[in-house]
Structure formats: structure tokens, C-alpha cells
Amino acid sequence: MGAVGQVNHEFNGFHPTEILYDFDYGEVKVENGRTVREWTILALDREIEIAPGILFPGWLYGSATSAASRRAGYTVGQVPGPTLRCVEGELLRIHFINASTHPHTIHFHGIHSARMDGVPGVGRGMISNGERFTYEFEARPFGCHLYHCHAIPLKRHIHKGLYGAFIIDPDPEKYSGEEREAARRRNHQYVTAEGINEMVIVMNAFDTNFDGENEVYAANSIAFAYMNDPIQIRRDQLQRLYLVNITEFDPINSIHIHANFFDYYDHGTTLEPTLKTVDTIMQCQAQRGILEFSFADFEPGLYMFHAHQTEFVELGWMSFFEVVE
């Protein structure tokens, strides 16, 4: 099982291991006493290598403040798009520039006005080549969300790669008692201080011959990426995985972790798990959630995780955690 050869990550301009950990916090400033968080997002056209020797004509989002862009010195497009992260209650300002040859939008899953919904026929709607628009709204509710293009035909714009994760941390100051402590545990400042290992995986797939069926399945776009380069995790750390399904042409995708179980927060909008002690969950397109698990007291070694649809596994959605001391 697997692919022959290696993907040229340098050609792509992004690496699936980097995508796991790159939370794009944008640029922060204060206006009239309120925290404002800003990003500049571009839509781009570019081929990417999704499996060894297989090029896909992608439509990509890129952020000026993503790790790939900071490293390159210019805005790099990637699939999935940068993981945008903020805190509940902040004012978000996303400057969108369409540098693609096709009209595009950004639609955010969250709460906002119709004018900021990024759908054709409502507000500014479609953004044509060379045009720009600024989306502005308050960050709510907290949770694991996503953003994607909502241009027509929708299935083509999503499938070609215009999507990414969008995480809103709870603001502990808005809560009290046990809820406040639970909110604090999910806030990135606490995560950094306590050494919790956080990761992002966007489950996706690619129809390489445009017949409406996928030929390649992946976690973060590259077939067998985390089988060839297992994800190293320390067994003494809590693992928190933000999981998003944006697979087109299939009704569901799934994840299964071998030899372990996890707690699951559906959509990430609750401070207590919606499912406890499970080893497999399914997500329809645009569904997302947070997995929490630990390998404490496990022996070191490779632990497999993958979709639990056999076809998806054999066509690229196969991975390993490497548990280390």
C-alpha cells in the first residue's frame, strides 16, 4: 500500500507537515479599545503535485501571514488554505484579493450578516479577477469551522482547492466556574503554556480526470503524506486534532485511530465532548470537530490512523502517528 516515489513539496510551496501545525493568527491591532484581527487572502491558479507524478490544476487560497508565505517572502497558495485562528468576540477583517482567472468568493462558516456571506447574488457576491473585497464580522461562535469559495458551480470551486480551516478559540473571560476553566484549556495561550499538541487535518480528495469521481484521497492534500512521514507525537502530551471534511463527490468521510480511543467535540462548539471514548467518527461535507486523545502509558511506536472507507485508504488516505518518549 502506498505510492511509488515522493511528492516534490518544494514545487508545491507547502508541506503537509507544516500545514498540520501552522495556525495563521493574522495581524492584530486595537481600534477604539477593541481587538481587530486582519488577514490578506489571495485566490490563485497553480498546479500542485498531489501524489508522486500526479499534477492537479488547483485553485488555491494563500495568506500573506501563513508560514509558507513568510518563508517564501511572498504570498504562497496552498491546499488546504491557511488555518485562520482567532478568539471569540474579536472583530475580524479579511482583505480578499482575487488573483485567479475565475470569479471567486470566501464564505465563512460562522455568524455574520448577509452582506458578508460571500455568496452570489447577496451583497458584494462574486469577486472577479483583479478585484478585491473586505469581509468584516465578529468572531462567533467559538469552535472548529471552515471557509470556502461559494462561486458557481460550487462543486467545482470547492473541489479545485478553495477551502481551509477557521478556528475560533473561546474567550475565558466570557465564562465563569468550570466553564471558564474549560474555555481556558481550549484557548491558544493556555495551549502554548501547557504544551498541548494541536494539529489540523482537512480531509479532501481530487477528481483528476474530471468525471465526477475521485481518484486520489488525502489528509491535507498529499496522498499517503503521513504514512511516508509519520506524525511524531510525545506520549506525555494531550493531543488535540481539529478535523474538517471538505471531500467533494462522496457523501461522507471518516477517521479511525488504531489501538486508541478519543473524545469528540462536534463542530467544536461545546466545552464538553459530544461523544466520549470512540475510535471512529464520520463527517459529511463541511462537518468538522475536535478530537482529543492521549498515548500516555502506551509503548512507543507507529499507530495507524485513516479513513474507514477502504477505497479512500487504498487511494491515499492512510497515515501514522509515531509515538516517542
C-alpha atoms as a PDB file:
ATOM      1  CA  MET A   1       0.000   0.000   0.000  1.00  0.00           C
ATOM      2  CA  GLY A   2       1.246   3.441  -0.859  1.00  0.00           C
ATOM      3  CA  ALA A   3       2.675   5.387  -3.762  1.00  0.00           C
ATOM      4  CA  VAL A   4       5.936   4.868  -5.636  1.00  0.00           C
ATOM      5  CA  GLY A   5       8.244   7.874  -5.353  1.00  0.00           C
ATOM      6  CA  GLN A   6       7.956  11.161  -3.463  1.00  0.00           C
ATOM      7  CA  VAL A   7       5.963  14.349  -3.976  1.00  0.00           C
ATOM      8  CA  ASN A   8       8.038  17.455  -4.667  1.00  0.00           C
ATOM      9  CA  HIS A   9       6.943  19.630  -1.739  1.00  0.00           C
ATOM     10  CA  GLU A  10       9.330  22.401  -2.788  1.00  0.00           C
ATOM     11  CA  PHE A  11       7.493  22.623  -6.131  1.00  0.00           C
ATOM     12  CA  ASN A  12       4.184  22.851  -4.273  1.00  0.00           C
ATOM     13  CA  GLY A  13       5.468  25.597  -1.995  1.00  0.00           C
ATOM     14  CA  PHE A  14       3.904  23.985   1.074  1.00  0.00           C
ATOM     15  CA  HIS A  15       4.480  20.827   3.098  1.00  0.00           C
ATOM     16  CA  PRO A  16       1.730  18.699   4.709  1.00  0.00           C
ATOM     17  CA  THR A  17       3.663  18.514   7.984  1.00  0.00           C
ATOM     18  CA  GLU A  18       3.869  22.308   8.105  1.00  0.00           C
ATOM     19  CA  ILE A  19       0.117  22.566   7.432  1.00  0.00           C
ATOM     20  CA  LEU A  20      -0.531  20.375  10.490  1.00  0.00           C
ATOM     21  CA  TYR A  21       0.870  22.980  12.865  1.00  0.00           C
ATOM     22  CA  ASP A  22       0.578  26.312  11.058  1.00  0.00           C
ATOM     23  CA  PHE A  23      -2.083  28.393  12.793  1.00  0.00           C
ATOM     24  CA  ASP A  24      -2.299  31.724  10.966  1.00  0.00           C
ATOM     25  CA  TYR A  25      -3.142  34.407  13.551  1.00  0.00           C
ATOM     26  CA  GLY A  26      -3.024  37.261  11.024  1.00  0.00           C
ATOM     27  CA  GLU A  27      -2.124  40.719  12.245  1.00  0.00           C
ATOM     28  CA  VAL A  28      -3.596  42.162  15.441  1.00  0.00           C
ATOM     29  CA  LYS A  29      -4.288  45.772  16.342  1.00  0.00           C
ATOM     30  CA  VAL A  30      -6.595  47.671  18.688  1.00  0.00           C
ATOM     31  CA  GLU A  31      -9.253  50.094  17.440  1.00  0.00           C
ATOM     32  CA  ASN A  32     -11.354  52.037  19.955  1.00  0.00           C
ATOM     33  CA  GLY A  33     -10.391  49.583  22.659  1.00  0.00           C
ATOM     34  CA  ARG A  34     -11.388  46.520  20.624  1.00  0.00           C
ATOM     35  CA  THR A  35      -9.097  43.804  19.266  1.00  0.00           C
ATOM     36  CA  VAL A  36      -9.136  43.657  15.474  1.00  0.00           C
ATOM     37  CA  ARG A  37      -7.540  40.742  13.640  1.00  0.00           C
ATOM     38  CA  GLU A  38      -6.735  41.108   9.933  1.00  0.00           C
ATOM     39  CA  TRP A  39      -5.635  38.838   7.105  1.00  0.00           C
ATOM     40  CA  THR A  40      -4.901  39.411   3.419  1.00  0.00           C
ATOM     41  CA  ILE A  41      -6.048  36.384   1.415  1.00  0.00           C
ATOM     42  CA  LEU A  42      -5.366  35.801  -2.287  1.00  0.00           C
ATOM     43  CA  ALA A  43      -7.041  33.356  -4.666  1.00  0.00           C
ATOM     44  CA  LEU A  44      -4.512  31.905  -7.122  1.00  0.00           C
ATOM     45  CA  ASP A  45      -4.338  29.414 -10.014  1.00  0.00           C
ATOM     46  CA  ARG A  46      -1.496  26.886  -9.854  1.00  0.00           C
ATOM     47  CA  GLU A  47      -0.697  23.237 -10.449  1.00  0.00           C
ATOM     48  CA  ILE A  48       0.140  21.179  -7.385  1.00  0.00           C
ATOM     49  CA  GLU A  49       1.516  17.655  -7.093  1.00  0.00           C
ATOM     50  CA  ILE A  50      -0.961  15.598  -5.044  1.00  0.00           C
ATOM     51  CA  ALA A  51       0.737  12.198  -5.462  1.00  0.00           C
ATOM     52  CA  PRO A  52       4.099  11.306  -6.994  1.00  0.00           C
ATOM     53  CA  GLY A  53       3.960  12.368 -10.644  1.00  0.00           C
ATOM     54  CA  ILE A  54       0.273  13.422 -10.498  1.00  0.00           C
ATOM     55  CA  LEU A  55      -0.281  17.140 -11.085  1.00  0.00           C
ATOM     56  CA  PHE A  56      -3.627  18.783 -10.396  1.00  0.00           C
ATOM     57  CA  PRO A  57      -4.700  22.197 -11.791  1.00  0.00           C
ATOM     58  CA  GLY A  58      -5.637  23.754  -8.478  1.00  0.00           C
ATOM     59  CA  TRP A  59      -7.337  26.945  -7.358  1.00  0.00           C
ATOM     60  CA  LEU A  60      -5.649  27.967  -4.123  1.00  0.00           C
ATOM     61  CA  TYR A  61      -6.035  30.375  -1.225  1.00  0.00           C
ATOM     62  CA  GLY A  62      -2.903  31.981   0.170  1.00  0.00           C
ATOM     63  CA  SER A  63      -2.384  34.237   3.181  1.00  0.00           C
ATOM     64  CA  ALA A  64       0.350  36.829   3.485  1.00  0.00           C
ATOM     65  CA  THR A  65       0.878  35.736   7.118  1.00  0.00           C
ATOM     66  CA  SER A  66       0.963  31.944   6.657  1.00  0.00           C
ATOM     67  CA  ALA A  67       4.174  30.067   7.461  1.00  0.00           C
ATOM     68  CA  ALA A  68       4.693  29.180   3.785  1.00  0.00           C
ATOM     69  CA  SER A  69       4.350  32.825   2.719  1.00  0.00           C
ATOM     70  CA  ARG A  70       6.633  34.121   5.464  1.00  0.00           C
ATOM     71  CA  ARG A  71       9.271  31.588   4.446  1.00  0.00           C
ATOM     72  CA  ALA A  72       8.997  32.398   0.731  1.00  0.00           C
ATOM     73  CA  GLY A  73       8.778  36.157   1.158  1.00  0.00           C
ATOM     74  CA  TYR A  74       5.608  36.406  -0.925  1.00  0.00           C
ATOM     75  CA  THR A  75       2.053  35.063  -0.726  1.00  0.00           C
ATOM     76  CA  VAL A  76       2.062  31.325  -1.422  1.00  0.00           C
ATOM     77  CA  GLY A  77      -1.131  29.484  -2.337  1.00  0.00           C
ATOM     78  CA  GLN A  78      -1.797  26.156  -0.642  1.00  0.00           C
ATOM     79  CA  VAL A  79      -4.392  23.382  -0.389  1.00  0.00           C
ATOM     80  CA  PRO A  80      -5.954  23.351   2.103  1.00  0.00           C
ATOM     81  CA  GLY A  81      -5.794  27.106   2.571  1.00  0.00           C
ATOM     82  CA  PRO A  82      -4.146  28.595   5.675  1.00  0.00           C
ATOM     83  CA  THR A  83      -5.740  27.739   9.021  1.00  0.00           C
ATOM     84  CA  LEU A  84      -7.089  31.075  10.250  1.00  0.00           C
ATOM     85  CA  ARG A  85      -7.256  31.326  14.052  1.00  0.00           C
ATOM     86  CA  CYS A  86      -8.741  33.985  16.309  1.00  0.00           C
ATOM     87  CA  VAL A  87     -10.543  34.481  19.626  1.00  0.00           C
ATOM     88  CA  GLU A  88     -14.261  34.719  20.286  1.00  0.00           C
ATOM     89  CA  GLY A  89     -15.519  38.313  20.212  1.00  0.00           C
ATOM     90  CA  GLU A  90     -12.698  39.786  18.137  1.00  0.00           C
ATOM     91  CA  LEU A  91     -13.528  41.868  15.071  1.00  0.00           C
ATOM     92  CA  LEU A  92     -12.232  40.002  12.019  1.00  0.00           C
ATOM     93  CA  ARG A  93     -11.230  41.785   8.832  1.00  0.00           C
ATOM     94  CA  ILE A  94     -10.295  39.655   5.815  1.00  0.00           C
ATOM     95  CA  HIS A  95      -8.975  41.524   2.779  1.00  0.00           C
ATOM     96  CA  PHE A  96      -9.654  39.243  -0.203  1.00  0.00           C
ATOM     97  CA  ILE A  97      -7.814  39.764  -3.500  1.00  0.00           C
ATOM     98  CA  ASN A  98      -8.782  37.630  -6.483  1.00  0.00           C
ATOM     99  CA  ALA A  99      -5.586  36.957  -8.458  1.00  0.00           C
ATOM    100  CA  SER A 100      -7.201  33.967 -10.191  1.00  0.00           C
ATOM    101  CA  THR A 101      -8.624  33.902 -13.717  1.00  0.00           C
ATOM    102  CA  HIS A 102     -12.083  32.959 -12.387  1.00  0.00           C
ATOM    103  CA  PRO A 103     -14.588  34.806 -10.138  1.00  0.00           C
ATOM    104  CA  HIS A 104     -14.347  33.651  -6.506  1.00  0.00           C
ATOM    105  CA  THR A 105     -15.640  34.429  -3.015  1.00  0.00           C
ATOM    106  CA  ILE A 106     -14.885  33.478   0.580  1.00  0.00           C
ATOM    107  CA  HIS A 107     -17.775  32.051   2.594  1.00  0.00           C
ATOM    108  CA  PHE A 108     -17.079  31.630   6.321  1.00  0.00           C
ATOM    109  CA  HIS A 109     -18.962  29.132   8.460  1.00  0.00           C
ATOM    110  CA  GLY A 110     -19.899  31.218  11.472  1.00  0.00           C
ATOM    111  CA  ILE A 111     -22.292  34.010  12.391  1.00  0.00           C
ATOM    112  CA  HIS A 112     -22.299  37.179  10.296  1.00  0.00           C
ATOM    113  CA  SER A 113     -24.533  39.468   8.242  1.00  0.00           C
ATOM    114  CA  ALA A 114     -25.860  38.540   4.789  1.00  0.00           C
ATOM    115  CA  ARG A 115     -23.579  41.161   3.249  1.00  0.00           C
ATOM    116  CA  MET A 116     -20.560  39.203   4.491  1.00  0.00           C
ATOM    117  CA  ASP A 117     -21.784  35.758   3.447  1.00  0.00           C
ATOM    118  CA  GLY A 118     -19.737  35.506   0.243  1.00  0.00           C
ATOM    119  CA  VAL A 119     -22.492  34.026  -1.914  1.00  0.00           C
ATOM    120  CA  PRO A 120     -23.568  35.039  -5.449  1.00  0.00           C
ATOM    121  CA  GLY A 121     -26.452  37.496  -5.559  1.00  0.00           C
ATOM    122  CA  VAL A 122     -26.090  38.669  -1.954  1.00  0.00           C
ATOM    123  CA  GLY A 123     -24.120  41.768  -1.001  1.00  0.00           C
ATOM    124  CA  ARG A 124     -20.836  42.049  -2.889  1.00  0.00           C
ATOM    125  CA  GLY A 125     -21.161  38.455  -4.096  1.00  0.00           C
ATOM    126  CA  MET A 126     -18.659  37.322  -6.706  1.00  0.00           C
ATOM    127  CA  ILE A 127     -15.208  38.930  -6.810  1.00  0.00           C
ATOM    128  CA  SER A 128     -13.822  38.979 -10.357  1.00  0.00           C
ATOM    129  CA  ASN A 129     -10.202  38.736 -11.489  1.00  0.00           C
ATOM    130  CA  GLY A 130      -8.174  41.681 -10.204  1.00  0.00           C
ATOM    131  CA  GLU A 131     -10.898  42.848  -7.810  1.00  0.00           C
ATOM    132  CA  ARG A 132     -10.824  42.919  -4.023  1.00  0.00           C
ATOM    133  CA  PHE A 133     -13.302  42.962  -1.157  1.00  0.00           C
ATOM    134  CA  THR A 134     -13.047  43.139   2.630  1.00  0.00           C
ATOM    135  CA  TYR A 135     -15.115  40.764   4.765  1.00  0.00           C
ATOM    136  CA  GLU A 136     -15.698  42.049   8.310  1.00  0.00           C
ATOM    137  CA  PHE A 137     -17.582  40.374  11.156  1.00  0.00           C
ATOM    138  CA  GLU A 138     -17.331  39.363  14.796  1.00  0.00           C
ATOM    139  CA  ALA A 139     -15.728  36.026  15.643  1.00  0.00           C
ATOM    140  CA  ARG A 140     -18.541  33.758  16.884  1.00  0.00           C
ATOM    141  CA  PRO A 141     -19.370  31.111  17.912  1.00  0.00           C
ATOM    142  CA  PHE A 142     -16.193  29.516  19.221  1.00  0.00           C
ATOM    143  CA  GLY A 143     -15.376  26.230  17.544  1.00  0.00           C
ATOM    144  CA  CYS A 144     -13.754  24.423  14.657  1.00  0.00           C
ATOM    145  CA  HIS A 145     -15.104  25.938  11.448  1.00  0.00           C
ATOM    146  CA  LEU A 146     -14.093  26.333   7.827  1.00  0.00           C
ATOM    147  CA  TYR A 147     -14.146  28.733   4.932  1.00  0.00           C
ATOM    148  CA  HIS A 148     -14.511  28.023   1.220  1.00  0.00           C
ATOM    149  CA  CYS A 149     -15.362  29.576  -2.109  1.00  0.00           C
ATOM    150  CA  HIS A 150     -19.106  29.753  -2.825  1.00  0.00           C
ATOM    151  CA  ALA A 151     -18.952  30.645  -6.528  1.00  0.00           C
ATOM    152  CA  ILE A 152     -20.958  28.692  -9.102  1.00  0.00           C
ATOM    153  CA  PRO A 153     -20.542  25.832  -9.961  1.00  0.00           C
ATOM    154  CA  LEU A 154     -19.964  25.271  -6.286  1.00  0.00           C
ATOM    155  CA  LYS A 155     -18.768  21.674  -6.566  1.00  0.00           C
ATOM    156  CA  ARG A 156     -16.009  22.723  -8.958  1.00  0.00           C
ATOM    157  CA  HIS A 157     -14.790  25.673  -6.899  1.00  0.00           C
ATOM    158  CA  ILE A 158     -14.612  23.601  -3.727  1.00  0.00           C
ATOM    159  CA  HIS A 159     -13.129  20.537  -5.399  1.00  0.00           C
ATOM    160  CA  LYS A 160     -10.374  22.555  -7.072  1.00  0.00           C
ATOM    161  CA  GLY A 161      -8.978  23.521  -3.665  1.00  0.00           C
ATOM    162  CA  LEU A 162     -10.549  26.741  -2.369  1.00  0.00           C
ATOM    163  CA  TYR A 163     -11.115  25.863   1.306  1.00  0.00           C
ATOM    164  CA  GLY A 164      -9.420  25.941   4.683  1.00  0.00           C
ATOM    165  CA  ALA A 165      -9.930  25.571   8.431  1.00  0.00           C
ATOM    166  CA  PHE A 166     -11.163  28.504  10.544  1.00  0.00           C
ATOM    167  CA  ILE A 167     -10.761  28.186  14.317  1.00  0.00           C
ATOM    168  CA  ILE A 168     -12.322  30.463  16.922  1.00  0.00           C
ATOM    169  CA  ASP A 169     -10.948  29.955  20.433  1.00  0.00           C
ATOM    170  CA  PRO A 170     -13.330  30.572  23.338  1.00  0.00           C
ATOM    171  CA  ASP A 171     -12.593  33.689  25.388  1.00  0.00           C
ATOM    172  CA  PRO A 172     -12.265  32.526  29.026  1.00  0.00           C
ATOM    173  CA  GLU A 173     -13.285  35.988  30.291  1.00  0.00           C
ATOM    174  CA  LYS A 174     -16.817  35.378  28.979  1.00  0.00           C
ATOM    175  CA  TYR A 175     -17.334  32.362  31.248  1.00  0.00           C
ATOM    176  CA  SER A 176     -17.252  31.514  34.956  1.00  0.00           C
ATOM    177  CA  GLY A 177     -16.669  28.494  37.147  1.00  0.00           C
ATOM    178  CA  GLU A 178     -15.957  25.167  35.441  1.00  0.00           C
ATOM    179  CA  GLU A 179     -16.871  26.600  32.044  1.00  0.00           C
ATOM    180  CA  ARG A 180     -14.165  29.235  32.400  1.00  0.00           C
ATOM    181  CA  GLU A 181     -11.515  26.611  33.056  1.00  0.00           C
ATOM    182  CA  ALA A 182     -12.744  24.512  30.111  1.00  0.00           C
ATOM    183  CA  ALA A 183     -12.634  27.589  27.859  1.00  0.00           C
ATOM    184  CA  ARG A 184      -9.130  28.380  29.073  1.00  0.00           C
ATOM    185  CA  ARG A 185      -7.959  24.875  28.109  1.00  0.00           C
ATOM    186  CA  ARG A 186      -9.112  25.491  24.527  1.00  0.00           C
ATOM    187  CA  ASN A 187      -7.523  28.940  24.174  1.00  0.00           C
ATOM    188  CA  HIS A 188      -4.228  29.029  22.272  1.00  0.00           C
ATOM    189  CA  GLN A 189      -2.422  30.929  25.039  1.00  0.00           C
ATOM    190  CA  TYR A 190      -3.145  28.150  27.547  1.00  0.00           C
ATOM    191  CA  VAL A 191      -2.276  25.517  24.921  1.00  0.00           C
ATOM    192  CA  THR A 192       1.140  27.080  24.374  1.00  0.00           C
ATOM    193  CA  ALA A 193       1.835  27.392  28.090  1.00  0.00           C
ATOM    194  CA  GLU A 194       0.782  23.816  28.907  1.00  0.00           C
ATOM    195  CA  GLY A 195       2.416  22.139  25.899  1.00  0.00           C
ATOM    196  CA  ILE A 196      -0.728  20.613  24.418  1.00  0.00           C
ATOM    197  CA  ASN A 197      -0.013  19.337  20.897  1.00  0.00           C
ATOM    198  CA  GLU A 198      -2.552  20.771  18.440  1.00  0.00           C
ATOM    199  CA  MET A 199      -2.902  19.712  14.800  1.00  0.00           C
ATOM    200  CA  VAL A 200      -5.176  20.438  11.843  1.00  0.00           C
ATOM    201  CA  ILE A 201      -6.254  17.896   9.249  1.00  0.00           C
ATOM    202  CA  VAL A 202      -8.539  18.728   6.338  1.00  0.00           C
ATOM    203  CA  MET A 203      -9.855  15.559   4.688  1.00  0.00           C
ATOM    204  CA  ASN A 204     -10.052  16.105   0.931  1.00  0.00           C
ATOM    205  CA  ALA A 205      -9.932  14.347  -2.432  1.00  0.00           C
ATOM    206  CA  PHE A 206      -9.207  15.043  -6.085  1.00  0.00           C
ATOM    207  CA  ASP A 207     -11.026  14.145  -9.299  1.00  0.00           C
ATOM    208  CA  THR A 208      -8.011  14.063 -11.603  1.00  0.00           C
ATOM    209  CA  ASN A 209      -9.917  13.302 -14.840  1.00  0.00           C
ATOM    210  CA  PHE A 210     -12.986  15.471 -14.057  1.00  0.00           C
ATOM    211  CA  ASP A 211     -15.547  12.673 -14.377  1.00  0.00           C
ATOM    212  CA  GLY A 212     -17.252  13.447 -11.047  1.00  0.00           C
ATOM    213  CA  GLU A 213     -15.441  10.706  -9.115  1.00  0.00           C
ATOM    214  CA  ASN A 214     -12.283  10.987  -7.036  1.00  0.00           C
ATOM    215  CA  GLU A 215      -9.071   9.201  -7.921  1.00  0.00           C
ATOM    216  CA  VAL A 216      -6.947  10.475  -5.014  1.00  0.00           C
ATOM    217  CA  TYR A 217      -7.918  10.835  -1.332  1.00  0.00           C
ATOM    218  CA  ALA A 218      -5.786  12.556   1.275  1.00  0.00           C
ATOM    219  CA  ALA A 219      -5.335  14.181   4.644  1.00  0.00           C
ATOM    220  CA  ASN A 220      -4.087  17.709   3.898  1.00  0.00           C
ATOM    221  CA  SER A 221      -3.979  17.115   0.141  1.00  0.00           C
ATOM    222  CA  ILE A 222      -0.972  14.829  -0.364  1.00  0.00           C
ATOM    223  CA  ALA A 223      -1.687  11.122  -0.830  1.00  0.00           C
ATOM    224  CA  PHE A 224      -0.045   8.958   1.861  1.00  0.00           C
ATOM    225  CA  ALA A 225       1.686  12.081   3.256  1.00  0.00           C
ATOM    226  CA  TYR A 226       1.684  10.949   6.889  1.00  0.00           C
ATOM    227  CA  MET A 227       2.418   7.334   6.003  1.00  0.00           C
ATOM    228  CA  ASN A 228       5.636   8.378   4.283  1.00  0.00           C
ATOM    229  CA  ASP A 229       6.385  10.972   7.003  1.00  0.00           C
ATOM    230  CA  PRO A 230       4.641   9.779  10.204  1.00  0.00           C
ATOM    231  CA  ILE A 231       3.461  12.485  12.601  1.00  0.00           C
ATOM    232  CA  GLN A 232       5.722  12.424  15.650  1.00  0.00           C
ATOM    233  CA  ILE A 233       3.912  12.959  18.935  1.00  0.00           C
ATOM    234  CA  ARG A 234       5.100  12.708  22.522  1.00  0.00           C
ATOM    235  CA  ARG A 235       3.239  10.209  24.605  1.00  0.00           C
ATOM    236  CA  ASP A 236       3.165  12.553  27.617  1.00  0.00           C
ATOM    237  CA  GLN A 237       1.210  15.241  25.688  1.00  0.00           C
ATOM    238  CA  LEU A 238      -2.518  15.691  25.254  1.00  0.00           C
ATOM    239  CA  GLN A 239      -3.273  15.539  21.520  1.00  0.00           C
ATOM    240  CA  ARG A 240      -5.912  17.863  20.083  1.00  0.00           C
ATOM    241  CA  LEU A 241      -6.812  17.385  16.411  1.00  0.00           C
ATOM    242  CA  TYR A 242      -9.001  19.879  14.539  1.00  0.00           C
ATOM    243  CA  LEU A 243     -10.645  17.809  11.801  1.00  0.00           C
ATOM    244  CA  VAL A 244     -12.543  19.190   8.786  1.00  0.00           C
ATOM    245  CA  ASN A 245     -14.151  17.242   5.931  1.00  0.00           C
ATOM    246  CA  ILE A 246     -14.411  19.055   2.602  1.00  0.00           C
ATOM    247  CA  THR A 247     -14.430  15.990   0.329  1.00  0.00           C
ATOM    248  CA  GLU A 248     -16.432  16.569  -2.855  1.00  0.00           C
ATOM    249  CA  PHE A 249     -18.220  13.783  -4.839  1.00  0.00           C
ATOM    250  CA  ASP A 250     -18.556  11.489  -1.778  1.00  0.00           C
ATOM    251  CA  PRO A 251     -21.316  11.836   0.837  1.00  0.00           C
ATOM    252  CA  ILE A 252     -19.084  11.180   3.870  1.00  0.00           C
ATOM    253  CA  ASN A 253     -15.509  10.816   5.001  1.00  0.00           C
ATOM    254  CA  SER A 254     -14.243   9.394   8.284  1.00  0.00           C
ATOM    255  CA  ILE A 255     -11.309   8.934  10.611  1.00  0.00           C
ATOM    256  CA  HIS A 256     -10.312   5.901  12.653  1.00  0.00           C
ATOM    257  CA  ILE A 257      -7.394   5.746  15.096  1.00  0.00           C
ATOM    258  CA  HIS A 258      -5.847   2.331  15.693  1.00  0.00           C
ATOM    259  CA  ALA A 259      -5.292   0.934  19.186  1.00  0.00           C
ATOM    260  CA  ASN A 260      -6.699   4.005  20.952  1.00  0.00           C
ATOM    261  CA  PHE A 261      -9.890   5.995  21.570  1.00  0.00           C
ATOM    262  CA  PHE A 262     -10.705   9.703  21.646  1.00  0.00           C
ATOM    263  CA  ASP A 263     -13.285  12.223  22.854  1.00  0.00           C
ATOM    264  CA  TYR A 264     -15.048  14.180  20.111  1.00  0.00           C
ATOM    265  CA  TYR A 265     -16.476  17.711  20.108  1.00  0.00           C
ATOM    266  CA  ASP A 266     -18.853  18.007  17.143  1.00  0.00           C
ATOM    267  CA  HIS A 267     -18.214  21.372  15.424  1.00  0.00           C
ATOM    268  CA  GLY A 268     -16.083  22.272  18.449  1.00  0.00           C
ATOM    269  CA  THR A 269     -18.884  24.497  19.746  1.00  0.00           C
ATOM    270  CA  THR A 270     -19.230  22.796  23.127  1.00  0.00           C
ATOM    271  CA  LEU A 271     -16.837  22.774  26.078  1.00  0.00           C
ATOM    272  CA  GLU A 272     -17.731  19.173  26.926  1.00  0.00           C
ATOM    273  CA  PRO A 273     -17.378  16.248  24.486  1.00  0.00           C
ATOM    274  CA  THR A 274     -20.401  15.317  22.380  1.00  0.00           C
ATOM    275  CA  LEU A 275     -19.013  11.785  22.091  1.00  0.00           C
ATOM    276  CA  LYS A 276     -16.747  10.068  24.604  1.00  0.00           C
ATOM    277  CA  THR A 277     -14.361   7.154  24.121  1.00  0.00           C
ATOM    278  CA  VAL A 278     -14.871   6.420  20.419  1.00  0.00           C
ATOM    279  CA  ASP A 279     -12.312   5.347  17.822  1.00  0.00           C
ATOM    280  CA  THR A 280     -14.187   6.229  14.610  1.00  0.00           C
ATOM    281  CA  ILE A 281     -16.337   9.170  13.543  1.00  0.00           C
ATOM    282  CA  MET A 282     -17.991  10.116  10.250  1.00  0.00           C
ATOM    283  CA  GLN A 283     -18.358  13.614   8.817  1.00  0.00           C
ATOM    284  CA  CYS A 284     -20.430  14.806   5.883  1.00  0.00           C
ATOM    285  CA  GLN A 285     -19.006  17.574   3.697  1.00  0.00           C
ATOM    286  CA  ALA A 286     -18.386  20.755   5.748  1.00  0.00           C
ATOM    287  CA  GLN A 287     -18.845  18.926   9.048  1.00  0.00           C
ATOM    288  CA  ARG A 288     -15.965  19.324  11.443  1.00  0.00           C
ATOM    289  CA  GLY A 289     -14.963  18.742  15.019  1.00  0.00           C
ATOM    290  CA  ILE A 290     -12.209  18.360  17.581  1.00  0.00           C
ATOM    291  CA  LEU A 291     -10.622  15.072  18.665  1.00  0.00           C
ATOM    292  CA  GLU A 292      -8.788  14.818  21.995  1.00  0.00           C
ATOM    293  CA  PHE A 293      -6.687  11.785  22.866  1.00  0.00           C
ATOM    294  CA  SER A 294      -3.504  10.686  24.580  1.00  0.00           C
ATOM    295  CA  PHE A 295      -0.934   7.950  24.178  1.00  0.00           C
ATOM    296  CA  ALA A 296       0.165   8.173  27.828  1.00  0.00           C
ATOM    297  CA  ASP A 297       1.286   4.753  29.120  1.00  0.00           C
ATOM    298  CA  PHE A 298       1.344   3.382  25.535  1.00  0.00           C
ATOM    299  CA  GLU A 299       4.516   1.821  24.223  1.00  0.00           C
ATOM    300  CA  PRO A 300       6.377   3.944  21.672  1.00  0.00           C
ATOM    301  CA  GLY A 301       5.945   3.068  18.007  1.00  0.00           C
ATOM    302  CA  LEU A 302       3.773   3.572  14.956  1.00  0.00           C
ATOM    303  CA  TYR A 303      -0.004   3.838  15.390  1.00  0.00           C
ATOM    304  CA  MET A 304      -2.071   3.899  12.225  1.00  0.00           C
ATOM    305  CA  PHE A 305      -4.970   6.270  11.511  1.00  0.00           C
ATOM    306  CA  HIS A 306      -7.003   6.574   8.347  1.00  0.00           C
ATOM    307  CA  ALA A 307     -10.438   6.805   6.786  1.00  0.00           C
ATOM    308  CA  HIS A 308     -12.556   3.746   7.403  1.00  0.00           C
ATOM    309  CA  GLN A 309     -13.716   3.542   3.815  1.00  0.00           C
ATOM    310  CA  THR A 310     -11.315   1.004   2.277  1.00  0.00           C
ATOM    311  CA  GLU A 311     -11.278   2.704  -1.129  1.00  0.00           C
ATOM    312  CA  PHE A 312     -10.193   6.005   0.443  1.00  0.00           C
ATOM    313  CA  VAL A 313      -7.366   4.239   2.309  1.00  0.00           C
ATOM    314  CA  GLU A 314      -6.039   2.489  -0.780  1.00  0.00           C
ATOM    315  CA  LEU A 315      -6.130   5.723  -2.786  1.00  0.00           C
ATOM    316  CA  GLY A 316      -4.174   7.846  -0.342  1.00  0.00           C
ATOM    317  CA  TRP A 317      -5.964   8.491   2.997  1.00  0.00           C
ATOM    318  CA  MET A 318      -3.595   6.413   5.143  1.00  0.00           C
ATOM    319  CA  SER A 319      -1.402   7.781   7.940  1.00  0.00           C
ATOM    320  CA  PHE A 320       0.673   7.016  11.018  1.00  0.00           C
ATOM    321  CA  PHE A 321       1.370   8.636  14.360  1.00  0.00           C
ATOM    322  CA  GLU A 322       4.847   7.900  15.637  1.00  0.00           C
ATOM    323  CA  VAL A 323       4.690   7.928  19.433  1.00  0.00           C
ATOM    324  CA  VAL A 324       8.009   8.871  21.014  1.00  0.00           C
ATOM    325  CA  GLU A 325       9.267   9.371  24.549  1.00  0.00           C
END
